[in-house]
Amino acid sequence: MHGSLLEARLVDKVIAFVAPKIVGGDGGKNPILGWGLPDMSKALELDDLVIRQFEGDVCMEGYMSDIFRDTEPLKLRGTQTNSNEPTKKPANVSR
């Protein structure tokens, strides 16, 4: 998932797969590119979470919380906002 979608509040639903494998290191891959949160106390939570298992992998599917959707989008790095344009919040998605 690209972090700029989260940063702009354009994500309504997340489907994430987790494999029972361990990788890491300073150059390791992260599940979210770019934008991120500094610690678990600020982690985003999913509502209506469904967990399924596909062979050895686990699939987590859920919706972004109302708190996430109802907050204003964060200013994207390197972009300028036009002060004459109203700020739009994403419409709530029916589930």
PDB file of N, CA and C in Angstrom:
ATOM      1  N   MET A   1       0.850  -1.167   0.000  1.00  0.00           N
ATOM      2  CA  MET A   1       0.000   0.000   0.000  1.00  0.00           C
ATOM      3  C   MET A   1       0.892   1.224   0.000  1.00  0.00           C
ATOM      4  N   HIS A   2       0.502   2.215  -0.730  1.00  0.00           N
ATOM      5  CA  HIS A   2       1.301   3.432  -0.767  1.00  0.00           C
ATOM      6  C   HIS A   2       0.814   4.394   0.306  1.00  0.00           C
ATOM      7  N   GLY A   3       1.735   4.862   1.126  1.00  0.00           N
ATOM      8  CA  GLY A   3       1.411   5.718   2.255  1.00  0.00           C
ATOM      9  C   GLY A   3       0.726   7.010   1.872  1.00  0.00           C
ATOM     10  N   SER A   4       0.956   7.501   0.653  1.00  0.00           N
ATOM     11  CA  SER A   4       0.316   8.760   0.257  1.00  0.00           C
ATOM     12  C   SER A   4      -1.205   8.615   0.191  1.00  0.00           C
ATOM     13  N   LEU A   5      -1.716   7.417  -0.069  1.00  0.00           N
ATOM     14  CA  LEU A   5      -3.165   7.196  -0.054  1.00  0.00           C
ATOM     15  C   LEU A   5      -3.712   7.337   1.362  1.00  0.00           C
ATOM     16  N   LEU A   6      -2.990   6.791   2.343  1.00  0.00           N
ATOM     17  CA  LEU A   6      -3.391   6.965   3.736  1.00  0.00           C
ATOM     18  C   LEU A   6      -3.280   8.423   4.148  1.00  0.00           C
ATOM     19  N   GLU A   7      -2.195   9.053   3.763  1.00  0.00           N
ATOM     20  CA  GLU A   7      -1.940  10.436   4.122  1.00  0.00           C
ATOM     21  C   GLU A   7      -3.043  11.360   3.617  1.00  0.00           C
ATOM     22  N   ALA A   8      -3.578  11.072   2.435  1.00  0.00           N
ATOM     23  CA  ALA A   8      -4.637  11.882   1.835  1.00  0.00           C
ATOM     24  C   ALA A   8      -6.029  11.423   2.254  1.00  0.00           C
ATOM     25  N   ARG A   9      -6.107  10.443   3.132  1.00  0.00           N
ATOM     26  CA  ARG A   9      -7.386   9.901   3.624  1.00  0.00           C
ATOM     27  C   ARG A   9      -8.229   9.332   2.474  1.00  0.00           C
ATOM     28  N   LEU A  10      -7.587   8.631   1.543  1.00  0.00           N
ATOM     29  CA  LEU A  10      -8.271   8.048   0.391  1.00  0.00           C
ATOM     30  C   LEU A  10      -8.461   6.545   0.529  1.00  0.00           C
ATOM     31  N   VAL A  11      -8.213   6.004   1.712  1.00  0.00           N
ATOM     32  CA  VAL A  11      -8.353   4.564   1.940  1.00  0.00           C
ATOM     33  C   VAL A  11      -9.606   4.321   2.769  1.00  0.00           C
ATOM     34  N   ASP A  12     -10.493   3.460   2.273  1.00  0.00           N
ATOM     35  CA  ASP A  12     -11.686   3.080   3.019  1.00  0.00           C
ATOM     36  C   ASP A  12     -11.582   1.660   3.558  1.00  0.00           C
ATOM     37  N   LYS A  13     -10.953   0.784   2.760  1.00  0.00           N
ATOM     38  CA  LYS A  13     -10.890  -0.631   3.120  1.00  0.00           C
ATOM     39  C   LYS A  13      -9.472  -1.127   2.908  1.00  0.00           C
ATOM     40  N   VAL A  14      -9.028  -2.007   3.791  1.00  0.00           N
ATOM     41  CA  VAL A  14      -7.691  -2.583   3.696  1.00  0.00           C
ATOM     42  C   VAL A  14      -7.821  -4.099   3.643  1.00  0.00           C
ATOM     43  N   ILE A  15      -7.122  -4.700   2.705  1.00  0.00           N
ATOM     44  CA  ILE A  15      -6.983  -6.158   2.642  1.00  0.00           C
ATOM     45  C   ILE A  15      -5.486  -6.421   2.664  1.00  0.00           C
ATOM     46  N   ALA A  16      -5.025  -7.055   3.734  1.00  0.00           N
ATOM     47  CA  ALA A  16      -3.592  -7.294   3.899  1.00  0.00           C
ATOM     48  C   ALA A  16      -3.333  -8.777   4.107  1.00  0.00           C
ATOM     49  N   PHE A  17      -2.327  -9.291   3.437  1.00  0.00           N
ATOM     50  CA  PHE A  17      -1.919 -10.677   3.594  1.00  0.00           C
ATOM     51  C   PHE A  17      -0.632 -10.738   4.404  1.00  0.00           C
ATOM     52  N   VAL A  18      -0.560 -11.680   5.304  1.00  0.00           N
ATOM     53  CA  VAL A  18       0.629 -11.894   6.119  1.00  0.00           C
ATOM     54  C   VAL A  18       1.067 -13.337   5.909  1.00  0.00           C
ATOM     55  N   ALA A  19       2.333 -13.512   5.555  1.00  0.00           N
ATOM     56  CA  ALA A  19       2.886 -14.852   5.363  1.00  0.00           C
ATOM     57  C   ALA A  19       3.677 -15.240   6.607  1.00  0.00           C
ATOM     58  N   PRO A  20       3.718 -16.511   6.925  1.00  0.00           N
ATOM     59  CA  PRO A  20       4.476 -16.944   8.103  1.00  0.00           C
ATOM     60  C   PRO A  20       5.980 -17.010   7.819  1.00  0.00           C
ATOM     61  N   LYS A  21       6.523 -15.868   7.449  1.00  0.00           N
ATOM     62  CA  LYS A  21       7.941 -15.765   7.146  1.00  0.00           C
ATOM     63  C   LYS A  21       8.484 -14.525   7.838  1.00  0.00           C
ATOM     64  N   ILE A  22       9.736 -14.548   8.231  1.00  0.00           N
ATOM     65  CA  ILE A  22      10.346 -13.417   8.918  1.00  0.00           C
ATOM     66  C   ILE A  22      11.464 -12.865   8.049  1.00  0.00           C
ATOM     67  N   VAL A  23      11.381 -11.568   7.757  1.00  0.00           N
ATOM     68  CA  VAL A  23      12.426 -10.852   7.028  1.00  0.00           C
ATOM     69  C   VAL A  23      12.704  -9.569   7.793  1.00  0.00           C
ATOM     70  N   GLY A  24      13.770  -8.890   7.462  1.00  0.00           N
ATOM     71  CA  GLY A  24      14.041  -7.642   8.169  1.00  0.00           C
ATOM     72  C   GLY A  24      15.372  -7.062   7.786  1.00  0.00           C
ATOM     73  N   GLY A  25      15.884  -6.262   8.694  1.00  0.00           N
ATOM     74  CA  GLY A  25      17.135  -5.568   8.445  1.00  0.00           C
ATOM     75  C   GLY A  25      16.868  -4.119   8.096  1.00  0.00           C
ATOM     76  N   ASP A  26      17.927  -3.344   8.063  1.00  0.00           N
ATOM     77  CA  ASP A  26      17.785  -1.924   7.779  1.00  0.00           C
ATOM     78  C   ASP A  26      17.187  -1.670   6.402  1.00  0.00           C
ATOM     79  N   GLY A  27      17.430  -2.542   5.449  1.00  0.00           N
ATOM     80  CA  GLY A  27      16.888  -2.369   4.101  1.00  0.00           C
ATOM     81  C   GLY A  27      15.651  -3.199   3.860  1.00  0.00           C
ATOM     82  N   GLY A  28      15.034  -3.710   4.940  1.00  0.00           N
ATOM     83  CA  GLY A  28      13.869  -4.580   4.801  1.00  0.00           C
ATOM     84  C   GLY A  28      12.663  -3.860   4.217  1.00  0.00           C
ATOM     85  N   LYS A  29      11.757  -4.636   3.664  1.00  0.00           N
ATOM     86  CA  LYS A  29      10.541  -4.093   3.059  1.00  0.00           C
ATOM     87  C   LYS A  29       9.513  -3.782   4.139  1.00  0.00           C
ATOM     88  N   ASN A  30       8.804  -2.670   3.954  1.00  0.00           N
ATOM     89  CA  ASN A  30       7.720  -2.287   4.842  1.00  0.00           C
ATOM     90  C   ASN A  30       6.398  -2.480   4.121  1.00  0.00           C
ATOM     91  N   PRO A  31       5.312  -2.802   4.847  1.00  0.00           N
ATOM     92  CA  PRO A  31       4.025  -2.983   4.175  1.00  0.00           C
ATOM     93  C   PRO A  31       3.426  -1.678   3.662  1.00  0.00           C
ATOM     94  N   ILE A  32       3.864  -0.543   4.203  1.00  0.00           N
ATOM     95  CA  ILE A  32       3.368   0.755   3.756  1.00  0.00           C
ATOM     96  C   ILE A  32       4.552   1.596   3.321  1.00  0.00           C
ATOM     97  N   LEU A  33       4.521   2.038   2.083  1.00  0.00           N
ATOM     98  CA  LEU A  33       5.615   2.861   1.556  1.00  0.00           C
ATOM     99  C   LEU A  33       5.375   4.328   1.877  1.00  0.00           C
ATOM    100  N   GLY A  34       6.409   5.038   2.232  1.00  0.00           N
ATOM    101  CA  GLY A  34       6.302   6.475   2.460  1.00  0.00           C
ATOM    102  C   GLY A  34       5.807   6.815   3.853  1.00  0.00           C
ATOM    103  N   TRP A  35       4.623   7.353   3.930  1.00  0.00           N
ATOM    104  CA  TRP A  35       4.016   7.847   5.171  1.00  0.00           C
ATOM    105  C   TRP A  35       3.898   6.739   6.205  1.00  0.00           C
ATOM    106  N   GLY A  36       4.061   7.091   7.464  1.00  0.00           N
ATOM    107  CA  GLY A  36       3.908   6.110   8.519  1.00  0.00           C
ATOM    108  C   GLY A  36       3.681   6.778   9.861  1.00  0.00           C
ATOM    109  N   LEU A  37       3.412   5.979  10.847  1.00  0.00           N
ATOM    110  CA  LEU A  37       3.193   6.470  12.205  1.00  0.00           C
ATOM    111  C   LEU A  37       4.347   5.999  13.077  1.00  0.00           C
ATOM    112  N   PRO A  38       4.760   6.827  14.061  1.00  0.00           N
ATOM    113  CA  PRO A  38       5.984   6.556  14.799  1.00  0.00           C
ATOM    114  C   PRO A  38       5.928   5.393  15.780  1.00  0.00           C
ATOM    115  N   ASP A  39       4.762   5.073  16.311  1.00  0.00           N
ATOM    116  CA  ASP A  39       4.716   3.985  17.297  1.00  0.00           C
ATOM    117  C   ASP A  39       3.316   3.380  17.376  1.00  0.00           C
ATOM    118  N   MET A  40       3.218   2.265  18.080  1.00  0.00           N
ATOM    119  CA  MET A  40       1.961   1.515  18.179  1.00  0.00           C
ATOM    120  C   MET A  40       0.841   2.315  18.843  1.00  0.00           C
ATOM    121  N   SER A  41       1.177   3.264  19.715  1.00  0.00           N
ATOM    122  CA  SER A  41       0.126   4.036  20.386  1.00  0.00           C
ATOM    123  C   SER A  41      -0.632   4.925  19.403  1.00  0.00           C
ATOM    124  N   LYS A  42      -0.054   5.179  18.236  1.00  0.00           N
ATOM    125  CA  LYS A  42      -0.704   6.004  17.223  1.00  0.00           C
ATOM    126  C   LYS A  42      -1.168   5.165  16.021  1.00  0.00           C
ATOM    127  N   ALA A  43      -1.085   3.861  16.135  1.00  0.00           N
ATOM    128  CA  ALA A  43      -1.418   2.968  15.027  1.00  0.00           C
ATOM    129  C   ALA A  43      -2.885   3.119  14.611  1.00  0.00           C
ATOM    130  N   LEU A  44      -3.136   2.980  13.320  1.00  0.00           N
ATOM    131  CA  LEU A  44      -4.490   3.024  12.787  1.00  0.00           C
ATOM    132  C   LEU A  44      -5.152   1.672  13.023  1.00  0.00           C
ATOM    133  N   GLU A  45      -6.416   1.696  13.406  1.00  0.00           N
ATOM    134  CA  GLU A  45      -7.141   0.453  13.661  1.00  0.00           C
ATOM    135  C   GLU A  45      -8.192   0.237  12.583  1.00  0.00           C
ATOM    136  N   LEU A  46      -8.474  -1.025  12.315  1.00  0.00           N
ATOM    137  CA  LEU A  46      -9.492  -1.395  11.341  1.00  0.00           C
ATOM    138  C   LEU A  46     -10.767  -1.821  12.066  1.00  0.00           C
ATOM    139  N   ASP A  47     -11.914  -1.424  11.512  1.00  0.00           N
ATOM    140  CA  ASP A  47     -13.220  -1.835  12.035  1.00  0.00           C
ATOM    141  C   ASP A  47     -13.731  -3.011  11.219  1.00  0.00           C
ATOM    142  N   ASP A  48     -14.684  -3.751  11.779  1.00  0.00           N
ATOM    143  CA  ASP A  48     -15.327  -4.881  11.096  1.00  0.00           C
ATOM    144  C   ASP A  48     -14.285  -5.844  10.529  1.00  0.00           C
ATOM    145  N   LEU A  49     -13.301  -6.162  11.329  1.00  0.00           N
ATOM    146  CA  LEU A  49     -12.185  -6.995  10.899  1.00  0.00           C
ATOM    147  C   LEU A  49     -12.617  -8.437  10.647  1.00  0.00           C
ATOM    148  N   VAL A  50     -12.202  -8.960   9.503  1.00  0.00           N
ATOM    149  CA  VAL A  50     -12.419 -10.365   9.151  1.00  0.00           C
ATOM    150  C   VAL A  50     -11.045 -10.961   8.886  1.00  0.00           C
ATOM    151  N   ILE A  51     -10.777 -12.116   9.499  1.00  0.00           N
ATOM    152  CA  ILE A  51      -9.487 -12.794   9.311  1.00  0.00           C
ATOM    153  C   ILE A  51      -9.756 -14.155   8.689  1.00  0.00           C
ATOM    154  N   ARG A  52      -9.045 -14.436   7.597  1.00  0.00           N
ATOM    155  CA  ARG A  52      -9.174 -15.721   6.899  1.00  0.00           C
ATOM    156  C   ARG A  52      -7.794 -16.316   6.701  1.00  0.00           C
ATOM    157  N   GLN A  53      -7.755 -17.629   6.585  1.00  0.00           N
ATOM    158  CA  GLN A  53      -6.482 -18.288   6.324  1.00  0.00           C
ATOM    159  C   GLN A  53      -6.543 -18.946   4.953  1.00  0.00           C
ATOM    160  N   PHE A  54      -5.500 -18.717   4.152  1.00  0.00           N
ATOM    161  CA  PHE A  54      -5.357 -19.319   2.836  1.00  0.00           C
ATOM    162  C   PHE A  54      -4.064 -20.116   2.846  1.00  0.00           C
ATOM    163  N   GLU A  55      -4.194 -21.432   2.938  1.00  0.00           N
ATOM    164  CA  GLU A  55      -3.039 -22.301   3.107  1.00  0.00           C
ATOM    165  C   GLU A  55      -2.248 -21.785   4.298  1.00  0.00           C
ATOM    166  N   GLY A  56      -0.991 -21.363   4.143  1.00  0.00           N
ATOM    167  CA  GLY A  56      -0.222 -20.882   5.274  1.00  0.00           C
ATOM    168  C   GLY A  56      -0.321 -19.389   5.516  1.00  0.00           C
ATOM    169  N   ASP A  57      -0.943 -18.650   4.589  1.00  0.00           N
ATOM    170  CA  ASP A  57      -1.025 -17.195   4.709  1.00  0.00           C
ATOM    171  C   ASP A  57      -2.295 -16.778   5.439  1.00  0.00           C
ATOM    172  N   VAL A  58      -2.254 -15.594   6.041  1.00  0.00           N
ATOM    173  CA  VAL A  58      -3.401 -15.036   6.750  1.00  0.00           C
ATOM    174  C   VAL A  58      -3.829 -13.761   6.024  1.00  0.00           C
ATOM    175  N   CYS A  59      -5.138 -13.615   5.808  1.00  0.00           N
ATOM    176  CA  CYS A  59      -5.691 -12.425   5.174  1.00  0.00           C
ATOM    177  C   CYS A  59      -6.495 -11.661   6.221  1.00  0.00           C
ATOM    178  N   MET A  60      -6.167 -10.370   6.384  1.00  0.00           N
ATOM    179  CA  MET A  60      -6.917  -9.494   7.281  1.00  0.00           C
ATOM    180  C   MET A  60      -7.634  -8.466   6.419  1.00  0.00           C
ATOM    181  N   GLU A  61      -8.940  -8.354   6.609  1.00  0.00           N
ATOM    182  CA  GLU A  61      -9.742  -7.441   5.806  1.00  0.00           C
ATOM    183  C   GLU A  61     -10.586  -6.585   6.752  1.00  0.00           C
ATOM    184  N   GLY A  62     -10.510  -5.276   6.592  1.00  0.00           N
ATOM    185  CA  GLY A  62     -11.279  -4.404   7.461  1.00  0.00           C
ATOM    186  C   GLY A  62     -11.391  -3.004   6.900  1.00  0.00           C
ATOM    187  N   TYR A  63     -12.194  -2.198   7.555  1.00  0.00           N
ATOM    188  CA  TYR A  63     -12.455  -0.828   7.127  1.00  0.00           C
ATOM    189  C   TYR A  63     -11.740   0.151   8.041  1.00  0.00           C
ATOM    190  N   MET A  64     -11.311   1.256   7.471  1.00  0.00           N
ATOM    191  CA  MET A  64     -10.693   2.304   8.262  1.00  0.00           C
ATOM    192  C   MET A  64     -11.729   2.833   9.244  1.00  0.00           C
ATOM    193  N   SER A  65     -11.290   3.159  10.451  1.00  0.00           N
ATOM    194  CA  SER A  65     -12.216   3.621  11.486  1.00  0.00           C
ATOM    195  C   SER A  65     -12.808   4.978  11.127  1.00  0.00           C
ATOM    196  N   ASP A  66     -13.950   5.288  11.733  1.00  0.00           N
ATOM    197  CA  ASP A  66     -14.590   6.591  11.511  1.00  0.00           C
ATOM    198  C   ASP A  66     -13.661   7.728  11.924  1.00  0.00           C
ATOM    199  N   ILE A  67     -12.873   7.529  12.963  1.00  0.00           N
ATOM    200  CA  ILE A  67     -11.940   8.564  13.414  1.00  0.00           C
ATOM    201  C   ILE A  67     -10.968   8.906  12.287  1.00  0.00           C
ATOM    202  N   PHE A  68     -10.466   7.891  11.597  1.00  0.00           N
ATOM    203  CA  PHE A  68      -9.552   8.113  10.476  1.00  0.00           C
ATOM    204  C   PHE A  68     -10.248   8.857   9.345  1.00  0.00           C
ATOM    205  N   ARG A  69     -11.440   8.392   8.961  1.00  0.00           N
ATOM    206  CA  ARG A  69     -12.141   8.990   7.822  1.00  0.00           C
ATOM    207  C   ARG A  69     -12.621  10.410   8.114  1.00  0.00           C
ATOM    208  N   ASP A  70     -12.951  10.708   9.366  1.00  0.00           N
ATOM    209  CA  ASP A  70     -13.520  12.012   9.707  1.00  0.00           C
ATOM    210  C   ASP A  70     -12.481  13.088   9.964  1.00  0.00           C
ATOM    211  N   THR A  71     -11.200  12.743   9.957  1.00  0.00           N
ATOM    212  CA  THR A  71     -10.172  13.758  10.157  1.00  0.00           C
ATOM    213  C   THR A  71      -9.764  14.342   8.814  1.00  0.00           C
ATOM    214  N   GLU A  72      -9.292  15.567   8.853  1.00  0.00           N
ATOM    215  CA  GLU A  72      -8.852  16.235   7.628  1.00  0.00           C
ATOM    216  C   GLU A  72      -7.620  15.527   7.066  1.00  0.00           C
ATOM    217  N   PRO A  73      -7.500  15.463   5.745  1.00  0.00           N
ATOM    218  CA  PRO A  73      -6.289  14.884   5.153  1.00  0.00           C
ATOM    219  C   PRO A  73      -5.053  15.652   5.591  1.00  0.00           C
ATOM    220  N   LEU A  74      -3.975  14.940   5.757  1.00  0.00           N
ATOM    221  CA  LEU A  74      -2.712  15.574   6.087  1.00  0.00           C
ATOM    222  C   LEU A  74      -2.142  16.211   4.837  1.00  0.00           C
ATOM    223  N   LYS A  75      -1.397  17.282   4.998  1.00  0.00           N
ATOM    224  CA  LYS A  75      -0.773  17.938   3.852  1.00  0.00           C
ATOM    225  C   LYS A  75       0.279  17.004   3.262  1.00  0.00           C
ATOM    226  N   LEU A  76       0.159  16.733   1.995  1.00  0.00           N
ATOM    227  CA  LEU A  76       1.120  15.868   1.321  1.00  0.00           C
ATOM    228  C   LEU A  76       2.456  16.573   1.220  1.00  0.00           C
ATOM    229  N   ARG A  77       3.508  15.842   1.458  1.00  0.00           N
ATOM    230  CA  ARG A  77       4.845  16.417   1.347  1.00  0.00           C
ATOM    231  C   ARG A  77       5.087  16.902  -0.077  1.00  0.00           C
ATOM    232  N   GLY A  78       5.641  18.127  -0.191  1.00  0.00           N
ATOM    233  CA  GLY A  78       6.014  18.640  -1.491  1.00  0.00           C
ATOM    234  C   GLY A  78       4.862  19.196  -2.303  1.00  0.00           C
ATOM    235  N   THR A  79       3.655  19.321  -1.704  1.00  0.00           N
ATOM    236  CA  THR A  79       2.537  19.881  -2.455  1.00  0.00           C
ATOM    237  C   THR A  79       2.110  21.193  -1.826  1.00  0.00           C
ATOM    238  N   GLN A  80       1.506  22.026  -2.624  1.00  0.00           N
ATOM    239  CA  GLN A  80       0.992  23.301  -2.135  1.00  0.00           C
ATOM    240  C   GLN A  80      -0.518  23.252  -2.239  1.00  0.00           C
ATOM    241  N   THR A  81      -1.193  23.795  -1.246  1.00  0.00           N
ATOM    242  CA  THR A  81      -2.642  23.843  -1.302  1.00  0.00           C
ATOM    243  C   THR A  81      -3.080  25.228  -1.739  1.00  0.00           C
ATOM    244  N   ASN A  82      -4.182  25.284  -2.475  1.00  0.00           N
ATOM    245  CA  ASN A  82      -4.746  26.541  -2.909  1.00  0.00           C
ATOM    246  C   ASN A  82      -5.721  26.991  -1.837  1.00  0.00           C
ATOM    247  N   SER A  83      -5.438  28.115  -1.184  1.00  0.00           N
ATOM    248  CA  SER A  83      -6.266  28.558  -0.062  1.00  0.00           C
ATOM    249  C   SER A  83      -7.664  28.958  -0.510  1.00  0.00           C
ATOM    250  N   ASN A  84      -7.907  29.138  -1.823  1.00  0.00           N
ATOM    251  CA  ASN A  84      -9.235  29.488  -2.324  1.00  0.00           C
ATOM    252  C   ASN A  84     -10.126  28.268  -2.501  1.00  0.00           C
ATOM    253  N   GLU A  85      -9.526  27.075  -2.485  1.00  0.00           N
ATOM    254  CA  GLU A  85     -10.305  25.863  -2.663  1.00  0.00           C
ATOM    255  C   GLU A  85     -10.724  25.318  -1.310  1.00  0.00           C
ATOM    256  N   PRO A  86     -12.007  24.934  -1.156  1.00  0.00           N
ATOM    257  CA  PRO A  86     -12.437  24.365   0.120  1.00  0.00           C
ATOM    258  C   PRO A  86     -11.819  22.993   0.334  1.00  0.00           C
ATOM    259  N   THR A  87     -11.573  22.647   1.591  1.00  0.00           N
ATOM    260  CA  THR A  87     -11.049  21.333   1.918  1.00  0.00           C
ATOM    261  C   THR A  87     -12.192  20.340   1.875  1.00  0.00           C
ATOM    262  N   LYS A  88     -11.994  19.251   1.152  1.00  0.00           N
ATOM    263  CA  LYS A  88     -13.029  18.233   1.044  1.00  0.00           C
ATOM    264  C   LYS A  88     -12.634  17.028   1.871  1.00  0.00           C
ATOM    265  N   LYS A  89     -13.607  16.504   2.615  1.00  0.00           N
ATOM    266  CA  LYS A  89     -13.383  15.270   3.349  1.00  0.00           C
ATOM    267  C   LYS A  89     -13.987  14.139   2.523  1.00  0.00           C
ATOM    268  N   PRO A  90     -13.363  12.949   2.555  1.00  0.00           N
ATOM    269  CA  PRO A  90     -13.919  11.838   1.790  1.00  0.00           C
ATOM    270  C   PRO A  90     -15.301  11.458   2.306  1.00  0.00           C
ATOM    271  N   ALA A  91     -16.176  11.066   1.401  1.00  0.00           N
ATOM    272  CA  ALA A  91     -17.514  10.632   1.799  1.00  0.00           C
ATOM    273  C   ALA A  91     -17.417   9.288   2.498  1.00  0.00           C
ATOM    274  N   ASN A  92     -18.271   9.081   3.479  1.00  0.00           N
ATOM    275  CA  ASN A  92     -18.298   7.786   4.155  1.00  0.00           C
ATOM    276  C   ASN A  92     -18.799   6.730   3.187  1.00  0.00           C
ATOM    277  N   VAL A  93     -18.200   5.589   3.243  1.00  0.00           N
ATOM    278  CA  VAL A  93     -18.532   4.487   2.358  1.00  0.00           C
ATOM    279  C   VAL A  93     -19.468   3.555   3.094  1.00  0.00           C
ATOM    280  N   SER A  94     -20.574   3.189   2.443  1.00  0.00           N
ATOM    281  CA  SER A  94     -21.469   2.237   3.088  1.00  0.00           C
ATOM    282  C   SER A  94     -20.837   0.867   3.008  1.00  0.00           C
ATOM    283  N   ARG A  95     -21.035   0.096   4.054  1.00  0.00           N
ATOM    284  CA  ARG A  95     -20.388  -1.219   4.121  1.00  0.00           C
ATOM    285  C   ARG A  95     -21.351  -2.312   3.795  1.00  0.00           C
TER     286      ARG A  95
END
